[in-house]
Amino acid sequence: MIEKLIVQLKREYASWGAPKIRERLQQRYPEVACPPISTVHAVLDRHGLVNRRYCNPLTTTDCAIQYLIRCEALASTKAPLGCARASGPRPRGLTAEVFGPSLDEVPF
């Protein structure tokens, strides 16, 4: 019974995820023991109702203070091996002593 309700709610509200569906079940049927969010998600997954979206971030940080300089979303982690070099202006407020050489210069 609960599984049918979970699937029905997901079909009614396609943008809802497991937490919101579980909350709605608790509101509509307070007398029924509601499954945990992970179980609701497993039911949605079993019925092919889970949108799988992944983000593979490429981050550039300063090695000395771990200041995040840049974060870029990539479609895949399957990239050629090598050293990625940041481009663009030096982040505001970072001096050359802290940041090192200009982003446009090769450090070697």
Protein backbone atom coordinates (compact mmCIF):
# COMPACT_ATOMS: atom_id res chain seq x y z
CA MET A 1 0.00 0.00 0.00
CA ILE A 2 2.73 2.48 0.98
CA GLU A 3 4.75 1.68 -2.14
CA LYS A 4 1.76 2.48 -4.36
CA LEU A 5 1.23 5.78 -2.55
CA ILE A 6 4.90 6.72 -2.97
CA VAL A 7 4.78 6.00 -6.71
CA GLN A 8 1.46 7.83 -7.07
CA LEU A 9 2.79 10.95 -5.32
CA LYS A 10 5.92 10.95 -7.47
CA ARG A 11 3.82 10.73 -10.64
CA GLU A 12 1.60 13.59 -9.42
CA TYR A 13 4.56 15.75 -8.40
CA ALA A 14 7.46 14.79 -10.65
CA SER A 15 9.83 17.40 -9.17
CA TRP A 16 9.48 16.05 -5.63
CA GLY A 17 12.19 13.91 -4.10
CA ALA A 18 12.09 11.32 -1.35
CA PRO A 19 12.15 13.79 1.61
CA LYS A 20 9.14 15.77 0.36
CA ILE A 21 7.19 12.63 -0.57
CA ARG A 22 7.81 11.17 2.88
CA GLU A 23 6.67 14.42 4.51
CA ARG A 24 3.46 14.42 2.45
CA LEU A 25 2.78 10.78 3.39
CA GLN A 26 3.16 11.68 7.07
CA GLN A 27 0.73 14.58 6.67
CA ARG A 28 -1.90 12.61 4.73
CA TYR A 29 -1.64 9.34 6.67
CA PRO A 30 -0.51 10.07 10.24
CA GLU A 31 -1.81 6.71 11.47
CA VAL A 32 0.53 4.78 9.13
CA ALA A 33 4.18 4.25 10.07
CA CYS A 34 6.11 6.12 7.42
CA PRO A 35 9.26 4.55 5.96
CA PRO A 36 12.58 6.36 6.24
CA ILE A 37 13.71 8.64 3.40
CA SER A 38 16.18 6.02 2.20
CA THR A 39 13.36 3.50 1.74
CA VAL A 40 11.21 6.04 -0.12
CA HIS A 41 14.20 6.70 -2.39
CA ALA A 42 14.71 2.95 -2.93
CA VAL A 43 11.05 2.58 -3.97
CA LEU A 44 11.39 5.47 -6.43
CA ASP A 45 14.59 3.96 -7.79
CA ARG A 46 13.01 0.51 -8.16
CA HIS A 47 10.24 2.06 -10.28
CA GLY A 48 12.67 4.08 -12.41
CA LEU A 49 11.50 7.41 -10.99
CA VAL A 50 14.86 8.75 -9.83
CA ASN A 51 16.63 11.36 -11.93
CA ARG A 52 20.33 10.69 -11.72
CA ARG A 53 22.21 13.96 -12.02
CA TYR A 54 25.84 14.12 -11.09
CA CYS A 55 28.21 17.03 -10.92
CA ASN A 56 31.93 16.44 -11.20
CA PRO A 57 33.55 19.57 -9.81
CA LEU A 58 37.03 20.64 -10.81
CA THR A 59 38.36 22.86 -8.06
CA THR A 60 41.45 25.01 -8.07
CA THR A 61 42.88 25.84 -4.67
CA ASP A 62 45.91 27.60 -3.29
CA CYS A 63 48.18 24.94 -1.77
CA ALA A 64 49.31 27.13 1.13
CA ILE A 65 45.99 28.24 2.61
CA GLN A 66 43.49 26.08 0.68
CA TYR A 67 41.68 29.15 -0.62
CA LEU A 68 39.13 28.09 -3.24
CA ILE A 69 40.03 29.97 -6.39
CA ARG A 70 37.69 28.39 -8.87
CA CYS A 71 35.08 25.64 -9.12
CA GLU A 72 33.90 24.44 -12.51
CA ALA A 73 31.28 21.76 -13.25
CA LEU A 74 32.48 19.05 -15.62
CA ALA A 75 30.40 16.51 -17.50
CA SER A 76 32.76 13.66 -16.66
CA THR A 77 35.78 12.68 -14.64
CA LYS A 78 37.24 11.02 -17.74
CA ALA A 79 39.73 13.73 -18.65
CA PRO A 80 43.28 13.35 -19.92
CA LEU A 81 45.89 13.23 -17.18
CA GLY A 82 47.92 16.33 -16.71
CA CYS A 83 48.18 19.50 -14.75
CA ALA A 84 45.23 21.85 -15.03
CA ARG A 85 46.28 25.48 -14.95
CA ALA A 86 43.88 28.19 -13.85
CA SER A 87 43.39 31.17 -16.07
CA GLY A 88 42.09 34.63 -15.39
CA PRO A 89 42.96 37.37 -12.96
CA ARG A 90 44.31 36.75 -9.48
CA PRO A 91 41.46 36.59 -6.95
CA ARG A 92 40.85 39.91 -5.25
CA GLY A 93 42.64 40.40 -1.96
CA LEU A 94 45.36 37.79 -2.49
CA THR A 95 48.85 39.15 -2.76
CA ALA A 96 51.59 37.60 -4.88
CA GLU A 97 53.30 36.36 -1.68
CA VAL A 98 50.21 34.39 -0.69
CA PHE A 99 49.00 33.44 -4.13
CA GLY A 100 52.31 32.91 -5.90
CA PRO A 101 52.97 33.69 -9.55
CA SER A 102 50.29 35.15 -11.77
CA LEU A 103 47.68 32.69 -12.98
CA ASP A 104 48.84 33.33 -16.52
CA GLU A 105 52.47 32.42 -15.80
CA VAL A 106 53.79 28.89 -15.77
CA PRO A 107 55.37 28.29 -12.31
CA PHE A 108 58.22 26.10 -13.63
